[in-house]
Every structure is written in structure tokens, then in C-alpha cells.
Amino acid sequence: MELAVPVLRDLLRYSAQLPEVARDIGTNHIPGLLTSLLALKPECQLPVLEGCQACMSFYPRACGSLRGKLATYFLSCMDVETPHLQQLACECYALLPSLGAGFAQGLKYRESWEQQAHSLVATLHRLLGRLYEGAET
């Protein structure tokens, strides 16, 4: 498994540079590949995160249909005790707004980034509210 992810990353990097191959891989293979990665055993979190990161980096449009499942997986990985896995999960989560097809002038991407920023602020607000619950001002 340790060797598979670097090979996958290189294959995706090179295939993305060939328009016909990229179109075929993006349409027919990336969603299935991501689904298979997300179905791996919990002890395979590092290769799953690295594989998802490679797919999202080189084929962001093709990953859009799995944005919700990816977000759920990345958030679950942020609770692990390994700092490296937490960092990688955060890096992957940061790629989510760039997934899917964008509209003219990147308006869809802008909306996605705004939604993610609002979600983050709401989460921080909720957590701070819990932290200071019962505290007097």
C-alpha cells in the first residue's frame, strides 16, 4: 500500500496532462477510485488521505459528486491522535471548495469558499459557546 499511493499520484499527474486520457479518467474512473479509497479499512487512513488528495489535486471536477462523503471522511480523520494524519485531513478538507464544475468567472468556486468559511466560523462560534457555557461575564 505504501508504494501504491506515490504511483497513483504520478499516474494522475501525468494523465491530467493528456486531454483525451484526462477526460476518460475523470469521467469513468475517479469517482470509483475515490469510492474504493473511502471503503478501505480504518488502519489505512494515511494512504486513503494521500490518494484522495492526489485525486482532488489533479481531477477536482471529477471529485465534485463525492464532496459530501469526502468531507465526512476528512472530518472523522481530524479526531485521530496522529498529528500527521490530522494535518493531512485538514489539507484535504481545504481542497473541498475547489471540487466540481465551476461556472463562468469562477462564481461557483467563490460560493463554495464562502460557504466553507461560514461553516468554519459557525463551528468555531458553537465550540466557543460550549467552552464558555456557564461562565459569567
C-alpha atoms as a PDB file:
ATOM      1  CA  MET A   1       0.000   0.000   0.000  1.00  0.00           C
ATOM      2  CA  GLU A   2       2.919   2.333   0.721  1.00  0.00           C
ATOM      3  CA  LEU A   3       4.067   2.139  -2.880  1.00  0.00           C
ATOM      4  CA  ALA A   4       0.584   2.347  -4.405  1.00  0.00           C
ATOM      5  CA  VAL A   5      -0.128   5.958  -3.439  1.00  0.00           C
ATOM      6  CA  PRO A   6       3.021   7.516  -4.958  1.00  0.00           C
ATOM      7  CA  VAL A   7       2.396   5.503  -8.135  1.00  0.00           C
ATOM      8  CA  LEU A   8      -1.231   6.665  -8.179  1.00  0.00           C
ATOM      9  CA  ARG A   9      -0.168  10.276  -7.666  1.00  0.00           C
ATOM     10  CA  ASP A  10       2.311  10.069 -10.562  1.00  0.00           C
ATOM     11  CA  LEU A  11      -0.250   8.396 -12.839  1.00  0.00           C
ATOM     12  CA  LEU A  12      -2.827  11.070 -12.067  1.00  0.00           C
ATOM     13  CA  ARG A  13      -0.303  13.867 -12.535  1.00  0.00           C
ATOM     14  CA  TYR A  14       0.801  12.612 -15.954  1.00  0.00           C
ATOM     15  CA  SER A  15      -2.648  11.586 -17.165  1.00  0.00           C
ATOM     16  CA  ALA A  16      -4.067  15.020 -16.329  1.00  0.00           C
ATOM     17  CA  GLN A  17      -1.684  16.491 -18.917  1.00  0.00           C
ATOM     18  CA  LEU A  18      -3.180  14.411 -21.759  1.00  0.00           C
ATOM     19  CA  PRO A  19      -6.633  15.817 -22.641  1.00  0.00           C
ATOM     20  CA  GLU A  20      -8.238  12.642 -24.017  1.00  0.00           C
ATOM     21  CA  VAL A  21      -6.854  10.448 -21.256  1.00  0.00           C
ATOM     22  CA  ALA A  22      -7.782  13.026 -18.614  1.00  0.00           C
ATOM     23  CA  ARG A  23     -11.348  13.187 -19.894  1.00  0.00           C
ATOM     24  CA  ASP A  24     -11.696   9.393 -19.759  1.00  0.00           C
ATOM     25  CA  ILE A  25     -10.129   9.063 -16.314  1.00  0.00           C
ATOM     26  CA  GLY A  26     -12.097  11.972 -14.879  1.00  0.00           C
ATOM     27  CA  THR A  27     -15.397  10.689 -16.214  1.00  0.00           C
ATOM     28  CA  ASN A  28     -15.045   6.935 -15.826  1.00  0.00           C
ATOM     29  CA  HIS A  29     -12.506   6.210 -13.117  1.00  0.00           C
ATOM     30  CA  ILE A  30     -12.057   8.929 -10.481  1.00  0.00           C
ATOM     31  CA  PRO A  31     -15.465   8.538  -8.776  1.00  0.00           C
ATOM     32  CA  GLY A  32     -14.983   4.772  -8.498  1.00  0.00           C
ATOM     33  CA  LEU A  33     -11.432   5.180  -7.290  1.00  0.00           C
ATOM     34  CA  LEU A  34     -12.497   7.604  -4.553  1.00  0.00           C
ATOM     35  CA  THR A  35     -15.351   5.315  -3.531  1.00  0.00           C
ATOM     36  CA  SER A  36     -12.904   2.422  -3.252  1.00  0.00           C
ATOM     37  CA  LEU A  37     -10.439   4.506  -1.248  1.00  0.00           C
ATOM     38  CA  LEU A  38     -13.123   5.609   1.196  1.00  0.00           C
ATOM     39  CA  ALA A  39     -14.167   1.982   1.698  1.00  0.00           C
ATOM     40  CA  LEU A  40     -10.714   0.846   2.862  1.00  0.00           C
ATOM     41  CA  LYS A  41     -10.152  -0.313   6.432  1.00  0.00           C
ATOM     42  CA  PRO A  42      -9.647   2.310   9.173  1.00  0.00           C
ATOM     43  CA  GLU A  43      -5.983   1.353   9.584  1.00  0.00           C
ATOM     44  CA  CYS A  44      -5.399   2.565   6.012  1.00  0.00           C
ATOM     45  CA  GLN A  45      -6.197   6.208   6.786  1.00  0.00           C
ATOM     46  CA  LEU A  46      -2.851   7.571   5.604  1.00  0.00           C
ATOM     47  CA  PRO A  47      -2.991   6.013   2.109  1.00  0.00           C
ATOM     48  CA  VAL A  48      -6.683   6.926   1.824  1.00  0.00           C
ATOM     49  CA  LEU A  49      -5.974  10.574   2.626  1.00  0.00           C
ATOM     50  CA  GLU A  50      -2.968  10.710   0.299  1.00  0.00           C
ATOM     51  CA  GLY A  51      -4.917   9.037  -2.512  1.00  0.00           C
ATOM     52  CA  CYS A  52      -7.882  11.369  -2.080  1.00  0.00           C
ATOM     53  CA  GLN A  53      -5.544  14.356  -2.024  1.00  0.00           C
ATOM     54  CA  ALA A  54      -3.992  13.256  -5.322  1.00  0.00           C
ATOM     55  CA  CYS A  55      -7.408  12.776  -6.945  1.00  0.00           C
ATOM     56  CA  MET A  56      -8.657  16.156  -5.730  1.00  0.00           C
ATOM     57  CA  SER A  57      -5.475  17.928  -6.795  1.00  0.00           C
ATOM     58  CA  PHE A  58      -5.339  16.628 -10.358  1.00  0.00           C
ATOM     59  CA  TYR A  59      -9.041  15.928 -11.058  1.00  0.00           C
ATOM     60  CA  PRO A  60     -11.042  18.399  -8.944  1.00  0.00           C
ATOM     61  CA  ARG A  61     -14.047  18.484 -11.277  1.00  0.00           C
ATOM     62  CA  ALA A  62     -14.407  14.705 -11.271  1.00  0.00           C
ATOM     63  CA  CYS A  63     -14.449  14.625  -7.449  1.00  0.00           C
ATOM     64  CA  GLY A  64     -17.369  17.027  -7.060  1.00  0.00           C
ATOM     65  CA  SER A  65     -20.062  14.358  -6.818  1.00  0.00           C
ATOM     66  CA  LEU A  66     -18.366  12.882  -3.743  1.00  0.00           C
ATOM     67  CA  ARG A  67     -17.774  16.160  -1.914  1.00  0.00           C
ATOM     68  CA  GLY A  68     -20.123  15.268   0.965  1.00  0.00           C
ATOM     69  CA  LYS A  69     -18.647  11.815   1.549  1.00  0.00           C
ATOM     70  CA  LEU A  70     -15.130  13.205   1.343  1.00  0.00           C
ATOM     71  CA  ALA A  71     -15.937  15.964   3.832  1.00  0.00           C
ATOM     72  CA  THR A  72     -17.384  13.440   6.271  1.00  0.00           C
ATOM     73  CA  TYR A  73     -14.312  11.231   5.975  1.00  0.00           C
ATOM     74  CA  PHE A  74     -11.858  14.114   6.397  1.00  0.00           C
ATOM     75  CA  LEU A  75     -13.694  15.412   9.461  1.00  0.00           C
ATOM     76  CA  SER A  76     -13.596  11.944  11.029  1.00  0.00           C
ATOM     77  CA  CYS A  77      -9.836  11.839  10.472  1.00  0.00           C
ATOM     78  CA  MET A  78      -9.335  15.086  12.360  1.00  0.00           C
ATOM     79  CA  ASP A  79     -10.168  13.295  15.617  1.00  0.00           C
ATOM     80  CA  VAL A  80      -7.249  10.867  15.387  1.00  0.00           C
ATOM     81  CA  GLU A  81      -4.291  11.188  17.721  1.00  0.00           C
ATOM     82  CA  THR A  82      -1.645  11.252  14.999  1.00  0.00           C
ATOM     83  CA  PRO A  83      -0.684  14.861  14.163  1.00  0.00           C
ATOM     84  CA  HIS A  84       0.450  13.915  10.649  1.00  0.00           C
ATOM     85  CA  LEU A  85      -2.966  12.389   9.856  1.00  0.00           C
ATOM     86  CA  GLN A  86      -4.723  15.429  11.316  1.00  0.00           C
ATOM     87  CA  GLN A  87      -2.610  17.754   9.168  1.00  0.00           C
ATOM     88  CA  LEU A  88      -3.268  15.722   6.025  1.00  0.00           C
ATOM     89  CA  ALA A  89      -7.008  15.596   6.777  1.00  0.00           C
ATOM     90  CA  CYS A  90      -7.009  19.395   7.145  1.00  0.00           C
ATOM     91  CA  GLU A  91      -5.143  19.805   3.857  1.00  0.00           C
ATOM     92  CA  CYS A  92      -7.662  17.546   2.136  1.00  0.00           C
ATOM     93  CA  TYR A  93     -10.590  19.381   3.708  1.00  0.00           C
ATOM     94  CA  ALA A  94      -9.198  22.659   2.395  1.00  0.00           C
ATOM     95  CA  LEU A  95      -9.411  21.284  -1.160  1.00  0.00           C
ATOM     96  CA  LEU A  96     -13.160  20.624  -0.950  1.00  0.00           C
ATOM     97  CA  PRO A  97     -14.343  24.032  -2.227  1.00  0.00           C
ATOM     98  CA  SER A  98     -12.383  23.545  -5.449  1.00  0.00           C
ATOM     99  CA  LEU A  99     -14.245  20.325  -6.325  1.00  0.00           C
ATOM    100  CA  GLY A 100     -16.881  20.100  -9.035  1.00  0.00           C
ATOM    101  CA  ALA A 101     -17.561  22.060 -12.178  1.00  0.00           C
ATOM    102  CA  GLY A 102     -17.252  25.817 -11.870  1.00  0.00           C
ATOM    103  CA  PHE A 103     -19.378  28.417 -13.596  1.00  0.00           C
ATOM    104  CA  ALA A 104     -18.196  31.447 -15.533  1.00  0.00           C
ATOM    105  CA  GLN A 105     -15.526  33.561 -13.810  1.00  0.00           C
ATOM    106  CA  GLY A 106     -15.282  31.003 -11.009  1.00  0.00           C
ATOM    107  CA  LEU A 107     -18.500  32.126  -9.301  1.00  0.00           C
ATOM    108  CA  LYS A 108     -19.275  28.579  -8.173  1.00  0.00           C
ATOM    109  CA  TYR A 109     -15.845  28.290  -6.579  1.00  0.00           C
ATOM    110  CA  ARG A 110     -16.302  31.610  -4.825  1.00  0.00           C
ATOM    111  CA  GLU A 111     -19.637  30.456  -3.415  1.00  0.00           C
ATOM    112  CA  SER A 112     -18.059  27.195  -2.258  1.00  0.00           C
ATOM    113  CA  TRP A 113     -15.234  29.029  -0.475  1.00  0.00           C
ATOM    114  CA  GLU A 114     -17.722  31.419   1.154  1.00  0.00           C
ATOM    115  CA  GLN A 115     -19.874  28.507   2.315  1.00  0.00           C
ATOM    116  CA  GLN A 116     -16.868  26.739   3.785  1.00  0.00           C
ATOM    117  CA  ALA A 117     -15.698  29.902   5.557  1.00  0.00           C
ATOM    118  CA  HIS A 118     -19.180  30.474   7.020  1.00  0.00           C
ATOM    119  CA  SER A 119     -19.325  26.859   8.147  1.00  0.00           C
ATOM    120  CA  LEU A 120     -15.947  27.184   9.852  1.00  0.00           C
ATOM    121  CA  VAL A 121     -16.936  30.400  11.632  1.00  0.00           C
ATOM    122  CA  ALA A 122     -20.240  28.856  12.761  1.00  0.00           C
ATOM    123  CA  THR A 123     -18.401  25.809  14.113  1.00  0.00           C
ATOM    124  CA  LEU A 124     -15.907  27.987  15.982  1.00  0.00           C
ATOM    125  CA  HIS A 125     -18.748  30.072  17.394  1.00  0.00           C
ATOM    126  CA  ARG A 126     -20.571  26.949  18.587  1.00  0.00           C
ATOM    127  CA  LEU A 127     -17.405  25.498  20.159  1.00  0.00           C
ATOM    128  CA  LEU A 128     -16.560  28.746  21.921  1.00  0.00           C
ATOM    129  CA  GLY A 129     -20.135  28.918  23.179  1.00  0.00           C
ATOM    130  CA  ARG A 130     -19.762  25.452  24.700  1.00  0.00           C
ATOM    131  CA  LEU A 131     -16.366  26.329  26.154  1.00  0.00           C
ATOM    132  CA  TYR A 132     -17.675  29.419  27.917  1.00  0.00           C
ATOM    133  CA  GLU A 133     -21.091  27.982  28.779  1.00  0.00           C
ATOM    134  CA  GLY A 134     -21.957  28.885  32.337  1.00  0.00           C
ATOM    135  CA  ALA A 135     -19.144  31.415  32.634  1.00  0.00           C
ATOM    136  CA  GLU A 136     -20.161  34.828  33.861  1.00  0.00           C
ATOM    137  CA  THR A 137     -19.036  37.980  32.075  1.00  0.00           C
END
